[in-house]
């Protein structure tokens, strides 16, 4: 019963957040001066009016808003201004898997590196591994992904020609952008793991495990590591959504035909349906990952459910 109530509350929260984001996006797009066809100076007025009528831009804003919410509820985001004859849903369905593949690989790299690095830093606290992680983590958090992407592009693609400079088509195209995307989450997750383990290592049950003959590494891996999962999962919720939809700038730098690149192009072209469609997809993924990570954290640590009951 509690699980059903929690699921119902989560669904209602997702719908409220999606509605709020959809409304804010709609109002902001309409508040910006000009329109998607105002730059087309050579188009006759009659032709422009016909085009605006086709995309229902000549209707009052409240009618557009009502139509937008009604269509979005049925996952119909309308036609793309930049791709005549193609709906926003078709373009998202084509490009979103590429961003998910890239983001999933970056997330796998981050998780695969963060736990061993954070564990090593906690076990050898205030020694060389810990100091090395501190320096690397500070650099990883401080350097934006697009700066790292540009550096990797110059050295690994142009200078040494080890990987393609951009595009999509093979596993080699994924190496540089996935590293650029994974650097910041890796650094932050490693610091979370290190901070959590540094406290848990002092606990009595770890000392008891050591007294039973386990080495410090064995005691940490077998008994202590699972106690660091709650803060990690709390961070992974929004971060997984962000990295799964792809970094807009990283996709632009490496010319990856994913959803992020399409979003950047749509903003410059004032492609209202595409902007609002991508924004809603990102919102649903963000809230969904948060709900999933929260549910997983409560399952791993039942004490959290008792605290929120």
Protein backbone atom coordinates (compact mmCIF):
# COMPACT_ATOMS: atom_id res chain seq x y z
CA UNK A 1 0.00 0.00 0.00
CA UNK A 2 2.81 2.41 0.90
CA UNK A 3 4.54 1.56 -2.36
CA UNK A 4 1.39 2.36 -4.34
CA UNK A 5 0.96 5.68 -2.55
CA UNK A 6 4.58 6.56 -3.16
CA UNK A 7 4.23 5.67 -6.85
CA UNK A 8 1.09 7.79 -7.11
CA UNK A 9 2.77 10.77 -5.48
CA UNK A 10 5.77 10.37 -7.76
CA UNK A 11 3.57 10.31 -10.85
CA UNK A 12 1.65 13.39 -9.74
CA UNK A 13 4.91 15.20 -9.02
CA UNK A 14 6.22 14.30 -12.47
CA UNK A 15 3.06 15.63 -14.14
CA UNK A 16 3.19 18.88 -12.15
CA UNK A 17 6.85 19.45 -12.95
CA UNK A 18 6.29 18.65 -16.64
CA UNK A 19 3.37 21.09 -16.79
CA UNK A 20 5.37 23.83 -15.04
CA UNK A 21 8.36 23.40 -17.36
CA UNK A 22 6.12 23.25 -20.45
CA UNK A 23 4.35 26.44 -19.41
CA UNK A 24 7.57 28.29 -18.60
CA UNK A 25 9.15 27.22 -21.90
CA UNK A 26 6.08 28.28 -23.88
CA UNK A 27 5.92 31.71 -22.24
CA UNK A 28 9.65 32.36 -22.54
CA UNK A 29 9.69 31.44 -26.22
CA UNK A 30 6.76 33.76 -26.91
CA UNK A 31 8.29 36.57 -24.84
CA UNK A 32 11.43 36.78 -26.98
CA UNK A 33 11.01 39.45 -29.70
CA UNK A 34 10.59 38.24 -33.25
CA UNK A 35 9.61 34.82 -34.52
CA UNK A 36 10.96 31.83 -36.40
CA UNK A 37 10.30 33.41 -39.80
CA UNK A 38 11.18 37.04 -39.12
CA UNK A 39 14.69 36.57 -40.49
CA UNK A 40 13.34 35.51 -43.85
CA UNK A 41 13.29 39.04 -45.30
CA UNK A 42 12.79 37.88 -48.86
CA UNK A 43 9.57 36.00 -48.18
CA UNK A 44 6.51 37.96 -49.32
CA UNK A 45 4.04 38.87 -46.63
CA UNK A 46 1.31 36.62 -48.06
CA UNK A 47 3.67 33.63 -48.12
CA UNK A 48 4.82 34.29 -44.56
CA UNK A 49 1.22 34.51 -43.38
CA UNK A 50 0.45 31.21 -45.10
CA UNK A 51 3.44 29.55 -43.44
CA UNK A 52 2.49 30.91 -40.02
CA UNK A 53 -1.08 29.69 -40.55
CA UNK A 54 0.23 26.21 -41.39
CA UNK A 55 2.12 26.06 -38.10
CA UNK A 56 -0.74 27.76 -36.22
CA UNK A 57 1.41 30.72 -35.23
CA UNK A 58 -1.29 33.20 -36.24
CA UNK A 59 -3.62 32.08 -33.45
CA UNK A 60 -3.90 33.93 -30.10
CA UNK A 61 -1.29 32.90 -27.55
CA UNK A 62 -3.83 31.29 -25.22
CA UNK A 63 -5.15 29.15 -28.09
CA UNK A 64 -1.58 28.13 -28.97
CA UNK A 65 -0.94 27.30 -25.33
CA UNK A 66 -4.06 25.15 -25.08
CA UNK A 67 -3.24 23.34 -28.32
CA UNK A 68 0.34 22.83 -27.19
CA UNK A 69 -0.65 21.22 -23.87
CA UNK A 70 -3.31 19.08 -25.55
CA UNK A 71 -0.89 17.85 -28.21
CA UNK A 72 1.94 17.30 -25.73
CA UNK A 73 -0.34 15.13 -23.59
CA UNK A 74 -0.61 12.77 -26.58
CA UNK A 75 3.15 13.07 -27.35
CA UNK A 76 2.38 15.09 -30.48
CA UNK A 77 4.80 18.04 -30.60
CA UNK A 78 3.86 19.10 -34.10
CA UNK A 79 5.94 19.70 -37.22
CA UNK A 80 9.53 20.90 -37.12
CA UNK A 81 10.13 24.30 -38.71
CA UNK A 82 13.58 23.25 -39.92
CA UNK A 83 12.59 19.86 -41.35
CA UNK A 84 9.41 20.23 -43.44
CA UNK A 85 7.38 17.04 -43.54
CA UNK A 86 8.97 15.64 -40.37
CA UNK A 87 7.40 15.79 -36.94
CA UNK A 88 9.30 16.67 -33.79
CA UNK A 89 8.51 13.23 -32.40
CA UNK A 90 10.15 11.53 -35.38
CA UNK A 91 13.30 13.62 -35.05
CA UNK A 92 13.52 13.01 -31.28
CA UNK A 93 13.02 9.27 -31.81
CA UNK A 94 15.87 9.28 -34.33
CA UNK A 95 18.36 11.38 -32.37
CA UNK A 96 17.64 10.55 -28.72
CA UNK A 97 19.11 7.00 -28.90
CA UNK A 98 22.45 8.45 -30.05
CA UNK A 99 22.57 10.80 -27.08
CA UNK A 100 21.58 7.94 -24.75
CA UNK A 101 24.36 5.72 -26.13
CA UNK A 102 26.94 8.47 -25.69
CA UNK A 103 25.64 9.42 -22.24
CA UNK A 104 25.37 5.80 -21.13
CA UNK A 105 28.98 5.14 -22.10
CA UNK A 106 30.13 8.27 -20.27
CA UNK A 107 28.13 7.25 -17.18
CA UNK A 108 29.63 3.74 -17.28
CA UNK A 109 33.13 5.25 -17.45
CA UNK A 110 32.35 7.55 -14.53
CA UNK A 111 31.02 4.74 -12.32
CA UNK A 112 33.79 2.35 -13.37
CA UNK A 113 36.50 4.81 -12.35
CA UNK A 114 34.92 6.64 -9.41
CA UNK A 115 34.48 3.66 -7.07
CA UNK A 116 38.03 2.26 -7.37
CA UNK A 117 39.59 5.74 -7.17
CA UNK A 118 37.43 6.85 -4.24
CA UNK A 119 38.01 3.56 -2.42
CA UNK A 120 41.78 3.76 -2.87
CA UNK A 121 41.83 7.35 -1.62
CA UNK A 122 39.81 6.44 1.48
CA UNK A 123 41.92 3.38 2.32
CA UNK A 124 45.21 5.27 1.92
CA UNK A 125 43.89 8.50 3.41
CA UNK A 126 46.33 11.44 3.55
CA UNK A 127 48.82 9.43 1.53
CA UNK A 128 49.89 9.65 -2.11
CA UNK A 129 46.74 8.04 -3.66
CA UNK A 130 44.51 10.39 -1.66
CA UNK A 131 46.49 13.49 -2.65
CA UNK A 132 46.55 12.43 -6.30
CA UNK A 133 42.78 11.96 -6.28
CA UNK A 134 42.29 15.36 -4.65
CA UNK A 135 44.27 17.06 -7.42
CA UNK A 136 42.59 15.07 -10.20
CA UNK A 137 39.12 15.62 -8.74
CA UNK A 138 39.67 19.36 -8.42
CA UNK A 139 40.76 19.50 -12.06
CA UNK A 140 37.85 17.33 -13.19
CA UNK A 141 35.26 19.45 -11.41
CA UNK A 142 36.83 22.77 -12.41
CA UNK A 143 37.43 22.17 -16.12
CA UNK A 144 34.19 22.40 -18.15
CA UNK A 145 33.41 19.51 -20.48
CA UNK A 146 33.58 21.71 -23.58
CA UNK A 147 37.10 22.88 -22.65
CA UNK A 148 38.26 19.31 -22.12
CA UNK A 149 36.52 18.31 -25.34
CA UNK A 150 38.35 21.01 -27.29
CA UNK A 151 41.69 19.93 -25.78
CA UNK A 152 41.05 16.28 -26.62
CA UNK A 153 39.95 17.25 -30.10
CA UNK A 154 43.16 19.15 -30.75
CA UNK A 155 45.63 16.64 -29.31
CA UNK A 156 44.00 13.27 -29.96
CA UNK A 157 42.28 14.03 -33.27
CA UNK A 158 44.25 16.74 -35.05
CA UNK A 159 47.72 16.45 -33.54
CA UNK A 160 48.17 12.67 -33.19
CA UNK A 161 45.20 11.55 -35.34
CA UNK A 162 44.37 8.71 -32.98
CA UNK A 163 40.60 9.20 -33.16
CA UNK A 164 38.12 10.83 -35.54
CA UNK A 165 37.59 14.55 -35.07
CA UNK A 166 33.81 14.15 -34.92
CA UNK A 167 30.77 12.56 -36.43
CA UNK A 168 28.96 9.31 -35.80
CA UNK A 169 29.29 5.81 -37.16
CA UNK A 170 31.78 3.67 -35.23
CA UNK A 171 32.98 3.00 -31.69
CA UNK A 172 36.03 5.20 -32.30
CA UNK A 173 33.76 8.22 -32.74
CA UNK A 174 32.52 7.75 -29.16
CA UNK A 175 35.87 7.74 -27.36
CA UNK A 176 36.70 11.45 -27.16
CA UNK A 177 33.19 12.82 -26.46
CA UNK A 178 32.49 10.15 -23.84
CA UNK A 179 35.73 11.01 -22.02
CA UNK A 180 34.85 14.71 -22.14
CA UNK A 181 31.40 13.95 -20.70
CA UNK A 182 32.67 11.52 -18.06
CA UNK A 183 35.41 13.68 -16.51
CA UNK A 184 33.28 15.86 -14.24
CA UNK A 185 30.94 13.08 -12.97
CA UNK A 186 33.95 10.84 -12.34
CA UNK A 187 35.66 13.48 -10.22
CA UNK A 188 32.53 14.32 -8.23
CA UNK A 189 31.54 10.68 -7.66
CA UNK A 190 35.06 9.75 -6.58
CA UNK A 191 34.97 12.52 -3.97
CA UNK A 192 31.58 11.30 -2.73
CA UNK A 193 32.83 7.73 -2.39
CA UNK A 194 36.00 8.85 -0.67
CA UNK A 195 34.11 11.09 1.79
CA UNK A 196 31.58 8.38 2.62
CA UNK A 197 34.18 5.67 3.12
CA UNK A 198 36.39 7.91 5.24
CA UNK A 199 33.61 8.06 7.83
CA UNK A 200 32.47 4.44 7.56
CA UNK A 201 35.99 3.05 7.94
CA UNK A 202 36.02 4.36 11.52
CA UNK A 203 32.81 2.47 12.42
CA UNK A 204 32.74 -0.35 14.91
CA UNK A 205 31.52 -2.98 12.47
CA UNK A 206 34.56 -2.31 10.25
CA UNK A 207 36.85 -2.70 13.27
CA UNK A 208 35.03 -5.95 14.12
CA UNK A 209 35.53 -7.19 10.55
CA UNK A 210 39.21 -6.38 10.81
CA UNK A 211 39.35 -8.27 14.13
CA UNK A 212 37.91 -11.36 12.38
CA UNK A 213 40.94 -11.43 10.13
CA UNK A 214 39.84 -9.40 7.10
CA UNK A 215 42.31 -7.01 5.58
CA UNK A 216 41.42 -3.34 5.36
CA UNK A 217 40.74 -3.61 1.64
CA UNK A 218 38.48 -6.65 2.14
CA UNK A 219 36.59 -4.99 4.98
CA UNK A 220 35.99 -1.85 2.91
CA UNK A 221 34.91 -3.66 -0.25
CA UNK A 222 32.71 -6.26 1.48
CA UNK A 223 31.16 -4.23 4.29
CA UNK A 224 31.77 -0.50 3.93
CA UNK A 225 31.29 0.27 0.24
CA UNK A 226 27.52 -0.29 0.19
CA UNK A 227 27.08 2.41 2.85
CA UNK A 228 28.30 5.04 0.38
CA UNK A 229 25.59 4.29 -2.18
CA UNK A 230 22.91 6.64 -0.79
CA UNK A 231 24.72 9.94 -1.56
CA UNK A 232 25.95 8.48 -4.84
CA UNK A 233 22.41 7.61 -5.92
CA UNK A 234 21.17 11.06 -4.87
CA UNK A 235 23.74 12.60 -7.21
CA UNK A 236 23.17 10.10 -10.02
CA UNK A 237 19.49 11.01 -10.41
CA UNK A 238 19.85 14.42 -12.06
CA UNK A 239 23.32 13.66 -13.41
CA UNK A 240 22.17 10.53 -15.25
CA UNK A 241 19.39 12.47 -16.95
CA UNK A 242 21.78 15.24 -17.96
CA UNK A 243 24.43 12.90 -19.27
CA UNK A 244 21.96 10.54 -20.97
CA UNK A 245 20.43 13.33 -23.01
CA UNK A 246 23.94 14.34 -23.98
CA UNK A 247 25.85 17.50 -23.35
CA UNK A 248 24.61 20.12 -25.78
CA UNK A 249 28.02 21.74 -26.16
CA UNK A 250 29.97 18.47 -26.38
CA UNK A 251 27.70 17.19 -29.14
CA UNK A 252 28.19 20.50 -30.94
CA UNK A 253 31.99 20.32 -30.61
CA UNK A 254 32.21 16.76 -31.91
CA UNK A 255 29.40 17.21 -34.45
CA UNK A 256 27.41 14.29 -33.06
CA UNK A 257 23.91 14.15 -34.58
CA UNK A 258 22.20 13.69 -31.23
CA UNK A 259 19.47 15.50 -29.40
CA UNK A 260 21.83 18.06 -27.89
CA UNK A 261 23.08 19.26 -31.27
CA UNK A 262 19.50 19.48 -32.52
CA UNK A 263 18.52 21.51 -29.45
CA UNK A 264 21.32 24.04 -29.99
CA UNK A 265 20.39 24.42 -33.65
CA UNK A 266 16.71 24.80 -32.78
CA UNK A 267 17.43 27.65 -30.37
CA UNK A 268 19.34 29.65 -32.98
CA UNK A 269 16.58 28.99 -35.54
CA UNK A 270 13.72 29.69 -33.11
CA UNK A 271 12.22 26.28 -33.81
CA UNK A 272 9.48 26.44 -31.17
CA UNK A 273 8.09 22.88 -31.47
CA UNK A 274 11.54 21.30 -31.32
CA UNK A 275 12.68 23.39 -28.35
CA UNK A 276 9.55 22.60 -26.35
CA UNK A 277 9.60 18.93 -27.32
CA UNK A 278 13.23 18.43 -26.30
CA UNK A 279 12.68 20.39 -23.09
CA UNK A 280 9.77 18.14 -22.12
CA UNK A 281 11.74 14.99 -22.92
CA UNK A 282 14.62 16.22 -20.77
CA UNK A 283 12.22 17.13 -17.94
CA UNK A 284 10.56 13.71 -17.93
CA UNK A 285 13.95 11.97 -17.95
CA UNK A 286 15.23 14.20 -15.13
CA UNK A 287 12.22 13.57 -12.89
CA UNK A 288 12.13 9.89 -13.84
CA UNK A 289 15.78 9.30 -12.95
CA UNK A 290 15.31 11.18 -9.68
CA UNK A 291 12.33 9.01 -8.75
CA UNK A 292 14.20 5.84 -9.72
CA UNK A 293 17.35 6.76 -7.78
CA UNK A 294 15.26 7.73 -4.74
CA UNK A 295 13.34 4.44 -4.85
CA UNK A 296 16.59 2.50 -5.22
CA UNK A 297 18.11 4.36 -2.27
CA UNK A 298 15.07 3.51 -0.09
CA UNK A 299 15.30 -0.14 -1.17
CA UNK A 300 19.00 -0.33 -0.30
CA UNK A 301 18.52 1.50 3.00
CA UNK A 302 15.05 0.84 4.52
CA UNK A 303 15.83 3.37 7.28
CA UNK A 304 15.14 6.14 4.77
CA UNK A 305 11.56 4.92 4.37
CA UNK A 306 11.02 5.02 8.11
CA UNK A 307 12.38 8.56 8.30
CA UNK A 308 10.00 9.80 5.60
CA UNK A 309 6.99 7.84 6.82
